[in-house]
Amino acid sequence: MTRLAHLPSGITRGLDFLIPDNWSPEQALAVVELIEDLRARICMHYELALHDLLRKQRSPPDDPHLNDIGDPF
């Protein structure tokens, strides 16, 4: 399996998307606009839940040697 190009999600393995090399610039733009609209709709609907999930995923793991305010015991 080949490695995928760098993606915003960080995924580096899996199935690659095949994009036809004969699309016109107008067709490519239409797909980009569709994806942007889909992303906007998802973000509007799940805004708070997505924000919370991303914050949890990007925050450092809990350190058992720190208390709730981040100070050592």
C-alpha atoms as a PDB file:
ATOM      1  CA  MET A   1       0.000   0.000   0.000  1.00  0.00           C
ATOM      2  CA  THR A   2       1.376   3.415  -0.893  1.00  0.00           C
ATOM      3  CA  ARG A   3       1.612   6.293   1.543  1.00  0.00           C
ATOM      4  CA  LEU A   4      -0.914   9.061   1.083  1.00  0.00           C
ATOM      5  CA  ALA A   5       0.007  12.698   0.634  1.00  0.00           C
ATOM      6  CA  HIS A   6      -0.141  14.814   3.787  1.00  0.00           C
ATOM      7  CA  LEU A   7      -3.796  15.339   4.664  1.00  0.00           C
ATOM      8  CA  PRO A   8      -5.318  17.785   7.172  1.00  0.00           C
ATOM      9  CA  SER A   9      -6.645  14.847   9.195  1.00  0.00           C
ATOM     10  CA  GLY A  10      -3.148  13.448   9.630  1.00  0.00           C
ATOM     11  CA  ILE A  11      -4.119  10.157   7.987  1.00  0.00           C
ATOM     12  CA  THR A  12      -1.096   8.687   6.230  1.00  0.00           C
ATOM     13  CA  ARG A  13      -2.380   5.236   5.297  1.00  0.00           C
ATOM     14  CA  GLY A  14      -5.463   3.794   3.695  1.00  0.00           C
ATOM     15  CA  LEU A  15      -7.268   4.038   0.421  1.00  0.00           C
ATOM     16  CA  ASP A  16      -6.238   6.922  -1.780  1.00  0.00           C
ATOM     17  CA  PHE A  17      -8.934   8.977  -3.475  1.00  0.00           C
ATOM     18  CA  LEU A  18      -8.688   8.747  -7.225  1.00  0.00           C
ATOM     19  CA  ILE A  19      -9.273  12.093  -8.909  1.00  0.00           C
ATOM     20  CA  PRO A  20      -9.645  12.038 -12.677  1.00  0.00           C
ATOM     21  CA  ASP A  21      -6.889  13.921 -14.458  1.00  0.00           C
ATOM     22  CA  ASN A  22      -9.274  15.113 -17.140  1.00  0.00           C
ATOM     23  CA  TRP A  23     -11.486  17.380 -15.003  1.00  0.00           C
ATOM     24  CA  SER A  24     -11.799  20.923 -16.204  1.00  0.00           C
ATOM     25  CA  PRO A  25     -10.909  23.693 -13.740  1.00  0.00           C
ATOM     26  CA  GLU A  26     -14.645  24.380 -13.500  1.00  0.00           C
ATOM     27  CA  GLN A  27     -15.367  20.768 -12.513  1.00  0.00           C
ATOM     28  CA  ALA A  28     -12.593  20.805  -9.924  1.00  0.00           C
ATOM     29  CA  LEU A  29     -13.932  24.068  -8.486  1.00  0.00           C
ATOM     30  CA  ALA A  30     -17.447  22.619  -8.301  1.00  0.00           C
ATOM     31  CA  VAL A  31     -16.159  19.692  -6.222  1.00  0.00           C
ATOM     32  CA  VAL A  32     -14.164  22.014  -3.939  1.00  0.00           C
ATOM     33  CA  GLU A  33     -17.237  24.190  -3.403  1.00  0.00           C
ATOM     34  CA  LEU A  34     -19.369  21.132  -2.656  1.00  0.00           C
ATOM     35  CA  ILE A  35     -16.879  19.923  -0.057  1.00  0.00           C
ATOM     36  CA  GLU A  36     -16.662  23.400   1.512  1.00  0.00           C
ATOM     37  CA  ASP A  37     -20.466  23.610   1.710  1.00  0.00           C
ATOM     38  CA  LEU A  38     -20.658  20.143   3.266  1.00  0.00           C
ATOM     39  CA  ARG A  39     -17.991  21.079   5.817  1.00  0.00           C
ATOM     40  CA  ALA A  40     -19.838  24.305   6.684  1.00  0.00           C
ATOM     41  CA  ARG A  41     -23.143  22.446   7.183  1.00  0.00           C
ATOM     42  CA  ILE A  42     -21.518  19.820   9.415  1.00  0.00           C
ATOM     43  CA  CYS A  43     -19.724  22.484  11.448  1.00  0.00           C
ATOM     44  CA  MET A  44     -22.932  24.514  11.888  1.00  0.00           C
ATOM     45  CA  HIS A  45     -24.830  21.457  13.113  1.00  0.00           C
ATOM     46  CA  TYR A  46     -22.126  19.974  15.370  1.00  0.00           C
ATOM     47  CA  GLU A  47     -20.220  23.153  16.267  1.00  0.00           C
ATOM     48  CA  LEU A  48     -19.993  22.735  20.047  1.00  0.00           C
ATOM     49  CA  ALA A  49     -19.548  18.962  19.989  1.00  0.00           C
ATOM     50  CA  LEU A  50     -16.778  19.246  17.379  1.00  0.00           C
ATOM     51  CA  HIS A  51     -15.055  21.991  19.369  1.00  0.00           C
ATOM     52  CA  ASP A  52     -15.129  19.885  22.544  1.00  0.00           C
ATOM     53  CA  LEU A  53     -13.889  16.770  20.766  1.00  0.00           C
ATOM     54  CA  LEU A  54     -11.024  18.597  19.036  1.00  0.00           C
ATOM     55  CA  ARG A  55     -10.009  20.226  22.336  1.00  0.00           C
ATOM     56  CA  LYS A  56      -9.947  16.828  24.056  1.00  0.00           C
ATOM     57  CA  GLN A  57      -7.986  15.208  21.221  1.00  0.00           C
ATOM     58  CA  ARG A  58      -5.401  18.001  21.069  1.00  0.00           C
ATOM     59  CA  SER A  59      -4.854  18.528  24.782  1.00  0.00           C
ATOM     60  CA  PRO A  60      -2.024  16.689  26.538  1.00  0.00           C
ATOM     61  CA  PRO A  61      -2.954  13.512  28.392  1.00  0.00           C
ATOM     62  CA  ASP A  62      -3.788  13.840  32.062  1.00  0.00           C
ATOM     63  CA  ASP A  63      -0.745  13.653  34.302  1.00  0.00           C
ATOM     64  CA  PRO A  64      -1.569  11.569  37.403  1.00  0.00           C
ATOM     65  CA  HIS A  65       1.079  13.553  39.324  1.00  0.00           C
ATOM     66  CA  LEU A  66      -0.824  16.850  38.948  1.00  0.00           C
ATOM     67  CA  ASN A  67      -3.972  17.944  40.744  1.00  0.00           C
ATOM     68  CA  ASP A  68      -6.976  19.642  39.105  1.00  0.00           C
ATOM     69  CA  ILE A  69      -5.226  23.024  38.846  1.00  0.00           C
ATOM     70  CA  GLY A  70      -2.011  21.612  37.401  1.00  0.00           C
ATOM     71  CA  ASP A  71       0.129  21.724  40.535  1.00  0.00           C
ATOM     72  CA  PRO A  72       2.067  18.743  41.897  1.00  0.00           C
ATOM     73  CA  PHE A  73       0.437  17.079  44.909  1.00  0.00           C
END
